[in-house]
Amino acid sequence: MARRSHAAIVVAVDRDHLQGPVDHGFENNTLGASKKELLYDLQTLKHPQADRSYFRAQRLADTASCNDVLRLAKRNSGTWLTFKPHYDANERP
């Protein structure tokens, strides 16, 4: 299978924070397969509520380690970085 995808996602909040809705799409083409069970077409559907697909990102220091990321994940519970079911573009860090 060959898959081509596109996404538009970046909205800057400030120098160290990014957020935005994820607008994505896919084009799938089955080129062939040795077993007929592997030949099928995929269909990608977007959630009807577009505000349910979003991202948030925070800049880390160049020296950040995996342990730093894990520590931040625990510390940021209940903050701007915590996942919420619906995207709010007006929410700020």
N, C-alpha and C. Protein backbone atom coordinates (compact mmCIF):
# COMPACT_ATOMS: atom_id res chain seq x y z
N MET A 1 0.83 -1.16 0.00
CA MET A 1 0.00 0.00 0.00
C MET A 1 0.89 1.24 0.00
N ALA A 2 0.45 2.22 -0.68
CA ALA A 2 1.11 3.53 -0.66
C ALA A 2 0.14 4.51 0.00
N ARG A 3 0.66 5.32 0.92
CA ARG A 3 -0.19 6.28 1.62
C ARG A 3 0.47 7.65 1.54
N ARG A 4 -0.33 8.61 1.18
CA ARG A 4 0.12 10.00 1.18
C ARG A 4 -0.75 10.73 2.18
N SER A 5 -0.12 11.51 3.03
CA SER A 5 -0.89 12.23 4.04
C SER A 5 -0.50 13.70 4.04
N HIS A 6 -1.39 14.51 4.59
CA HIS A 6 -1.11 15.93 4.77
C HIS A 6 -1.70 16.37 6.10
N ALA A 7 -1.06 17.35 6.69
CA ALA A 7 -1.55 17.88 7.97
C ALA A 7 -1.19 19.35 8.08
N ALA A 8 -2.08 20.10 8.70
CA ALA A 8 -1.83 21.51 8.99
C ALA A 8 -2.13 21.70 10.47
N ILE A 9 -1.11 22.01 11.28
CA ILE A 9 -1.33 21.94 12.72
C ILE A 9 -0.80 23.09 13.56
N VAL A 10 0.02 23.96 13.07
CA VAL A 10 0.77 24.84 13.97
C VAL A 10 0.10 26.20 14.19
N VAL A 11 -0.09 26.52 15.46
CA VAL A 11 -0.54 27.84 15.88
C VAL A 11 0.35 28.24 17.05
N ALA A 12 1.07 29.33 16.93
CA ALA A 12 1.95 29.76 18.00
C ALA A 12 1.16 30.52 19.06
N VAL A 13 1.38 30.15 20.32
CA VAL A 13 0.78 30.87 21.45
C VAL A 13 1.76 31.92 21.93
N ASP A 14 3.00 31.50 22.11
CA ASP A 14 4.10 32.39 22.45
C ASP A 14 5.39 31.69 22.03
N ARG A 15 6.53 32.25 22.41
CA ARG A 15 7.82 31.70 21.97
C ARG A 15 8.01 30.24 22.36
N ASP A 16 7.45 29.82 23.47
CA ASP A 16 7.70 28.48 23.99
C ASP A 16 6.51 27.53 23.94
N HIS A 17 5.40 27.95 23.35
CA HIS A 17 4.21 27.11 23.33
C HIS A 17 3.54 27.14 21.96
N LEU A 18 3.11 25.97 21.51
CA LEU A 18 2.37 25.82 20.26
C LEU A 18 1.09 25.06 20.54
N GLN A 19 0.07 25.33 19.77
CA GLN A 19 -1.18 24.56 19.85
C GLN A 19 -1.92 24.74 18.55
N GLY A 20 -2.91 23.91 18.33
CA GLY A 20 -3.73 24.07 17.15
C GLY A 20 -4.54 22.85 16.83
N PRO A 21 -5.57 23.04 16.04
CA PRO A 21 -6.35 21.89 15.59
C PRO A 21 -5.53 21.09 14.58
N VAL A 22 -5.73 19.80 14.55
CA VAL A 22 -5.04 18.94 13.59
C VAL A 22 -5.99 18.69 12.42
N ASP A 23 -5.68 19.26 11.29
CA ASP A 23 -6.46 19.05 10.08
C ASP A 23 -5.65 18.11 9.21
N HIS A 24 -6.09 16.88 9.08
CA HIS A 24 -5.30 15.89 8.36
C HIS A 24 -6.17 15.13 7.36
N GLY A 25 -5.48 14.53 6.42
CA GLY A 25 -6.16 13.71 5.43
C GLY A 25 -5.20 12.68 4.87
N PHE A 26 -5.75 11.62 4.32
CA PHE A 26 -4.94 10.54 3.77
C PHE A 26 -5.46 10.12 2.41
N GLU A 27 -4.55 9.70 1.57
CA GLU A 27 -4.89 9.08 0.30
C GLU A 27 -4.20 7.72 0.29
N ASN A 28 -4.97 6.65 0.17
CA ASN A 28 -4.42 5.29 0.19
C ASN A 28 -4.59 4.63 -1.16
N ASN A 29 -3.55 3.93 -1.59
CA ASN A 29 -3.61 3.16 -2.83
C ASN A 29 -2.99 1.80 -2.60
N THR A 30 -3.74 0.74 -2.87
CA THR A 30 -3.21 -0.61 -2.74
C THR A 30 -2.47 -0.96 -4.03
N LEU A 31 -1.19 -1.26 -3.89
CA LEU A 31 -0.36 -1.55 -5.06
C LEU A 31 -0.39 -3.02 -5.43
N GLY A 32 -0.59 -3.88 -4.43
CA GLY A 32 -0.62 -5.32 -4.67
C GLY A 32 -0.24 -6.06 -3.41
N ALA A 33 -0.47 -7.37 -3.40
CA ALA A 33 -0.13 -8.18 -2.25
C ALA A 33 -0.02 -9.63 -2.67
N SER A 34 0.78 -10.38 -1.93
CA SER A 34 0.96 -11.79 -2.25
C SER A 34 -0.23 -12.63 -1.81
N LYS A 35 -1.00 -12.15 -0.83
CA LYS A 35 -2.19 -12.85 -0.36
C LYS A 35 -3.40 -11.96 -0.58
N LYS A 36 -4.49 -12.56 -1.07
CA LYS A 36 -5.68 -11.76 -1.34
C LYS A 36 -6.26 -11.14 -0.08
N GLU A 37 -6.01 -11.76 1.11
CA GLU A 37 -6.50 -11.21 2.38
C GLU A 37 -5.89 -9.85 2.69
N LEU A 38 -4.75 -9.58 2.10
CA LEU A 38 -4.06 -8.30 2.35
C LEU A 38 -4.52 -7.19 1.41
N LEU A 39 -5.31 -7.54 0.42
CA LEU A 39 -5.80 -6.53 -0.53
C LEU A 39 -7.13 -5.96 -0.04
N TYR A 40 -7.11 -4.79 0.47
CA TYR A 40 -8.34 -4.12 0.89
C TYR A 40 -8.10 -2.62 0.87
N ASP A 41 -9.15 -1.88 0.73
CA ASP A 41 -9.07 -0.43 0.72
C ASP A 41 -9.34 0.10 2.12
N LEU A 42 -8.57 1.07 2.53
CA LEU A 42 -8.77 1.72 3.81
C LEU A 42 -9.53 3.02 3.61
N GLN A 43 -10.37 3.32 4.55
CA GLN A 43 -11.07 4.59 4.51
C GLN A 43 -10.76 5.34 5.80
N THR A 44 -10.32 6.57 5.68
CA THR A 44 -10.01 7.39 6.85
C THR A 44 -11.13 8.40 7.04
N LEU A 45 -11.69 8.42 8.23
CA LEU A 45 -12.76 9.35 8.54
C LEU A 45 -12.32 10.34 9.61
N LYS A 46 -12.69 11.57 9.44
CA LYS A 46 -12.43 12.58 10.46
C LYS A 46 -13.57 12.56 11.46
N HIS A 47 -13.27 12.87 12.70
CA HIS A 47 -14.31 12.97 13.71
C HIS A 47 -15.23 14.12 13.33
N PRO A 48 -16.54 13.93 13.43
CA PRO A 48 -17.45 15.02 13.03
C PRO A 48 -17.30 16.29 13.86
N GLN A 49 -16.76 16.17 15.07
CA GLN A 49 -16.48 17.36 15.89
C GLN A 49 -15.00 17.69 15.72
N ALA A 50 -14.71 18.65 14.86
CA ALA A 50 -13.33 18.97 14.51
C ALA A 50 -12.49 19.39 15.71
N ASP A 51 -13.13 19.90 16.78
CA ASP A 51 -12.37 20.37 17.94
C ASP A 51 -11.86 19.21 18.81
N ARG A 52 -12.06 17.97 18.39
CA ARG A 52 -11.58 16.83 19.16
C ARG A 52 -10.20 16.35 18.70
N SER A 53 -9.67 16.94 17.64
CA SER A 53 -8.34 16.59 17.15
C SER A 53 -7.47 17.83 17.24
N TYR A 54 -6.61 17.86 18.23
CA TYR A 54 -5.73 19.02 18.41
C TYR A 54 -4.44 18.58 19.09
N PHE A 55 -3.50 19.50 19.17
CA PHE A 55 -2.24 19.21 19.87
C PHE A 55 -1.83 20.43 20.67
N ARG A 56 -0.98 20.18 21.64
CA ARG A 56 -0.31 21.24 22.39
C ARG A 56 1.13 20.81 22.59
N ALA A 57 2.05 21.76 22.51
CA ALA A 57 3.47 21.46 22.66
C ALA A 57 4.15 22.57 23.45
N GLN A 58 5.16 22.18 24.18
CA GLN A 58 5.92 23.13 25.00
C GLN A 58 7.40 22.92 24.70
N ARG A 59 8.12 24.01 24.50
CA ARG A 59 9.56 23.93 24.23
C ARG A 59 10.29 23.46 25.49
N LEU A 60 11.26 22.58 25.28
CA LEU A 60 12.12 22.12 26.36
C LEU A 60 13.53 22.63 26.14
N ALA A 61 14.32 22.63 27.18
CA ALA A 61 15.71 23.05 27.06
C ALA A 61 16.46 22.07 26.14
N ASP A 62 17.49 22.56 25.47
CA ASP A 62 18.30 21.69 24.60
C ASP A 62 18.91 20.53 25.37
N THR A 63 19.07 20.69 26.65
CA THR A 63 19.69 19.67 27.48
C THR A 63 18.67 18.73 28.12
N ALA A 64 17.41 18.85 27.77
CA ALA A 64 16.35 18.04 28.40
C ALA A 64 16.59 16.55 28.14
N SER A 65 16.33 15.76 29.17
CA SER A 65 16.47 14.31 29.07
C SER A 65 15.09 13.66 29.12
N CYS A 66 15.04 12.36 28.93
CA CYS A 66 13.78 11.62 29.05
C CYS A 66 13.20 11.79 30.45
N ASN A 67 14.05 11.78 31.46
CA ASN A 67 13.58 11.97 32.84
C ASN A 67 12.95 13.35 33.02
N ASP A 68 13.51 14.35 32.37
CA ASP A 68 12.92 15.70 32.44
C ASP A 68 11.51 15.70 31.85
N VAL A 69 11.34 15.01 30.74
CA VAL A 69 10.03 14.95 30.09
C VAL A 69 9.02 14.25 31.01
N LEU A 70 9.42 13.14 31.60
CA LEU A 70 8.53 12.41 32.51
C LEU A 70 8.18 13.26 33.73
N ARG A 71 9.15 14.00 34.25
CA ARG A 71 8.90 14.87 35.40
C ARG A 71 7.91 15.97 35.04
N LEU A 72 8.08 16.56 33.86
CA LEU A 72 7.15 17.60 33.39
C LEU A 72 5.75 17.03 33.20
N ALA A 73 5.65 15.84 32.67
CA ALA A 73 4.34 15.22 32.45
C ALA A 73 3.59 15.07 33.77
N LYS A 74 4.28 14.69 34.81
CA LYS A 74 3.63 14.55 36.12
C LYS A 74 3.27 15.92 36.70
N ARG A 75 4.18 16.86 36.56
CA ARG A 75 3.97 18.19 37.15
C ARG A 75 2.86 18.96 36.44
N ASN A 76 2.67 18.72 35.14
CA ASN A 76 1.71 19.49 34.37
C ASN A 76 0.30 18.90 34.39
N SER A 77 0.06 17.93 35.24
CA SER A 77 -1.29 17.39 35.36
C SER A 77 -2.22 18.50 35.84
N GLY A 78 -3.33 18.69 35.14
CA GLY A 78 -4.27 19.74 35.50
C GLY A 78 -3.92 21.10 34.94
N THR A 79 -2.94 21.18 34.04
CA THR A 79 -2.54 22.46 33.46
C THR A 79 -2.89 22.50 31.97
N TRP A 80 -2.40 23.50 31.29
CA TRP A 80 -2.63 23.72 29.87
C TRP A 80 -2.24 22.51 29.03
N LEU A 81 -1.21 21.77 29.44
CA LEU A 81 -0.76 20.61 28.66
C LEU A 81 -1.62 19.37 28.86
N THR A 82 -2.47 19.35 29.87
CA THR A 82 -3.31 18.19 30.12
C THR A 82 -4.36 18.05 29.03
N PHE A 83 -4.53 16.84 28.51
CA PHE A 83 -5.50 16.60 27.44
C PHE A 83 -6.92 16.88 27.94
N LYS A 84 -7.68 17.57 27.11
CA LYS A 84 -9.10 17.80 27.35
C LYS A 84 -9.83 17.35 26.08
N PRO A 85 -11.02 16.82 26.19
CA PRO A 85 -11.70 16.27 25.01
C PRO A 85 -11.94 17.27 23.88
N HIS A 86 -12.12 18.55 24.21
CA HIS A 86 -12.39 19.55 23.17
C HIS A 86 -11.36 20.68 23.22
N TYR A 87 -10.91 21.07 22.05
CA TYR A 87 -9.89 22.12 21.89
C TYR A 87 -10.49 23.49 22.16
N ASP A 88 -9.77 24.29 22.93
CA ASP A 88 -10.16 25.67 23.19
C ASP A 88 -8.99 26.56 22.80
N ALA A 89 -9.09 27.23 21.68
CA ALA A 89 -8.00 28.06 21.18
C ALA A 89 -7.71 29.25 22.06
N ASN A 90 -8.65 29.62 22.93
CA ASN A 90 -8.45 30.79 23.80
C ASN A 90 -7.71 30.44 25.09
N GLU A 91 -7.57 29.16 25.40
CA GLU A 91 -6.88 28.77 26.63
C GLU A 91 -5.38 29.03 26.47
N ARG A 92 -4.75 29.57 27.50
CA ARG A 92 -3.34 29.92 27.45
C ARG A 92 -2.57 29.25 28.59
N PRO A 93 -1.26 29.02 28.36
CA PRO A 93 -0.43 28.41 29.41
C PRO A 93 -0.26 29.31 30.61
